[in-house]
Amino acid sequence: MRHQPPRLNSESDQDHTRFITKELTMKIKSLLLFASLLLPMTPALVSAEGAPAMPLVVCQVDKAPQMLVPAYVCQWYGGSQHY
């Protein structure tokens, strides 16, 4: 025999259900806020694994403005690198 959930007959039962729902919503929101504040402090957990990031250098080619590019691009175009 299956157990039937109790019906919300009275107004106080409905108020209690609204109160519980509101409490759960507030707890979930505070937990999400806590997680969003905590994650940036743990870069090892949120950073991707794999090859290390490519180092960038400030590169000057001829009279063109300086650009921030990977070192191999600067070497390819014969630019001077500034670290």
C-alpha atoms as a PDB file:
ATOM      1  CA  MET A   1       0.000   0.000   0.000  1.00  0.00           C
ATOM      2  CA  ARG A   2       1.450   3.373  -1.027  1.00  0.00           C
ATOM      3  CA  HIS A   3       1.756   6.170   1.436  1.00  0.00           C
ATOM      4  CA  GLN A   4      -0.100   9.283   0.327  1.00  0.00           C
ATOM      5  CA  PRO A   5       1.413  12.650   1.221  1.00  0.00           C
ATOM      6  CA  PRO A   6      -0.769  14.688   3.537  1.00  0.00           C
ATOM      7  CA  ARG A   7      -2.933  17.312   1.909  1.00  0.00           C
ATOM      8  CA  LEU A   8      -2.564  20.949   2.762  1.00  0.00           C
ATOM      9  CA  ASN A   9      -5.994  21.613   4.136  1.00  0.00           C
ATOM     10  CA  SER A  10      -5.456  24.531   6.389  1.00  0.00           C
ATOM     11  CA  GLU A  11      -4.007  27.934   5.763  1.00  0.00           C
ATOM     12  CA  SER A  12      -1.392  27.339   8.454  1.00  0.00           C
ATOM     13  CA  ASP A  13      -0.124  24.267   6.562  1.00  0.00           C
ATOM     14  CA  GLN A  14       0.250  26.360   3.416  1.00  0.00           C
ATOM     15  CA  ASP A  15       2.016  29.126   5.347  1.00  0.00           C
ATOM     16  CA  HIS A  16       4.388  26.573   6.857  1.00  0.00           C
ATOM     17  CA  THR A  17       5.167  25.182   3.392  1.00  0.00           C
ATOM     18  CA  ARG A  18       5.880  28.686   2.061  1.00  0.00           C
ATOM     19  CA  PHE A  19       8.123  29.355   5.051  1.00  0.00           C
ATOM     20  CA  ILE A  20      10.109  26.137   4.485  1.00  0.00           C
ATOM     21  CA  THR A  21      10.444  26.873   0.759  1.00  0.00           C
ATOM     22  CA  LYS A  22      11.656  30.397   1.478  1.00  0.00           C
ATOM     23  CA  GLU A  23      14.169  29.118   4.050  1.00  0.00           C
ATOM     24  CA  LEU A  24      15.557  26.549   1.613  1.00  0.00           C
ATOM     25  CA  THR A  25      15.842  29.163  -1.126  1.00  0.00           C
ATOM     26  CA  MET A  26      17.766  31.500   1.180  1.00  0.00           C
ATOM     27  CA  LYS A  27      20.136  28.711   2.238  1.00  0.00           C
ATOM     28  CA  ILE A  28      20.804  27.720  -1.374  1.00  0.00           C
ATOM     29  CA  LYS A  29      21.467  31.347  -2.342  1.00  0.00           C
ATOM     30  CA  SER A  30      23.892  31.811   0.544  1.00  0.00           C
ATOM     31  CA  LEU A  31      25.655  28.556  -0.362  1.00  0.00           C
ATOM     32  CA  LEU A  32      26.045  29.698  -3.982  1.00  0.00           C
ATOM     33  CA  LEU A  33      27.387  33.061  -2.819  1.00  0.00           C
ATOM     34  CA  PHE A  34      29.881  31.324  -0.544  1.00  0.00           C
ATOM     35  CA  ALA A  35      31.016  29.063  -3.396  1.00  0.00           C
ATOM     36  CA  SER A  36      31.418  32.009  -5.765  1.00  0.00           C
ATOM     37  CA  LEU A  37      33.608  33.779  -3.203  1.00  0.00           C
ATOM     38  CA  LEU A  38      35.639  30.666  -2.396  1.00  0.00           C
ATOM     39  CA  LEU A  39      36.428  29.442  -5.924  1.00  0.00           C
ATOM     40  CA  PRO A  40      38.686  32.351  -6.969  1.00  0.00           C
ATOM     41  CA  MET A  41      40.851  31.682  -3.916  1.00  0.00           C
ATOM     42  CA  THR A  42      41.600  28.161  -5.138  1.00  0.00           C
ATOM     43  CA  PRO A  43      43.108  28.616  -8.606  1.00  0.00           C
ATOM     44  CA  ALA A  44      44.432  25.050  -8.701  1.00  0.00           C
ATOM     45  CA  LEU A  45      40.881  23.740  -8.611  1.00  0.00           C
ATOM     46  CA  VAL A  46      39.508  25.976 -11.334  1.00  0.00           C
ATOM     47  CA  SER A  47      42.464  26.110 -13.737  1.00  0.00           C
ATOM     48  CA  ALA A  48      42.559  23.806 -16.707  1.00  0.00           C
ATOM     49  CA  GLU A  49      45.195  21.124 -16.892  1.00  0.00           C
ATOM     50  CA  GLY A  50      47.416  20.701 -19.905  1.00  0.00           C
ATOM     51  CA  ALA A  51      50.135  22.687 -21.571  1.00  0.00           C
ATOM     52  CA  PRO A  52      51.336  25.762 -19.711  1.00  0.00           C
ATOM     53  CA  ALA A  53      50.221  29.160 -20.938  1.00  0.00           C
ATOM     54  CA  MET A  54      52.281  30.650 -23.744  1.00  0.00           C
ATOM     55  CA  PRO A  55      54.460  33.531 -22.514  1.00  0.00           C
ATOM     56  CA  LEU A  56      53.747  36.879 -24.121  1.00  0.00           C
ATOM     57  CA  VAL A  57      56.288  39.592 -24.882  1.00  0.00           C
ATOM     58  CA  VAL A  58      56.020  43.213 -25.895  1.00  0.00           C
ATOM     59  CA  CYS A  59      57.175  43.259 -29.500  1.00  0.00           C
ATOM     60  CA  GLN A  60      58.310  46.166 -31.686  1.00  0.00           C
ATOM     61  CA  VAL A  61      58.508  45.574 -35.451  1.00  0.00           C
ATOM     62  CA  ASP A  62      59.955  48.464 -37.479  1.00  0.00           C
ATOM     63  CA  LYS A  63      57.906  51.618 -36.846  1.00  0.00           C
ATOM     64  CA  ALA A  64      54.685  49.786 -35.913  1.00  0.00           C
ATOM     65  CA  PRO A  65      53.208  50.272 -32.437  1.00  0.00           C
ATOM     66  CA  GLN A  66      54.297  47.830 -29.767  1.00  0.00           C
ATOM     67  CA  MET A  67      52.125  44.725 -29.461  1.00  0.00           C
ATOM     68  CA  LEU A  68      51.724  42.011 -26.863  1.00  0.00           C
ATOM     69  CA  VAL A  69      52.265  38.738 -28.750  1.00  0.00           C
ATOM     70  CA  PRO A  70      53.743  35.267 -28.165  1.00  0.00           C
ATOM     71  CA  ALA A  71      57.554  35.288 -28.349  1.00  0.00           C
ATOM     72  CA  TYR A  72      57.692  33.083 -31.465  1.00  0.00           C
ATOM     73  CA  VAL A  73      55.485  35.549 -33.404  1.00  0.00           C
ATOM     74  CA  CYS A  74      57.821  38.405 -32.550  1.00  0.00           C
ATOM     75  CA  GLN A  75      60.850  36.348 -33.651  1.00  0.00           C
ATOM     76  CA  TRP A  76      59.076  35.301 -36.871  1.00  0.00           C
ATOM     77  CA  TYR A  77      58.542  38.933 -37.904  1.00  0.00           C
ATOM     78  CA  GLY A  78      62.060  39.979 -36.820  1.00  0.00           C
ATOM     79  CA  GLY A  79      60.878  42.259 -34.055  1.00  0.00           C
ATOM     80  CA  SER A  80      62.672  43.270 -30.900  1.00  0.00           C
ATOM     81  CA  GLN A  81      61.332  41.799 -27.677  1.00  0.00           C
ATOM     82  CA  HIS A  82      60.807  43.769 -24.481  1.00  0.00           C
ATOM     83  CA  TYR A  83      60.016  41.823 -21.319  1.00  0.00           C
END
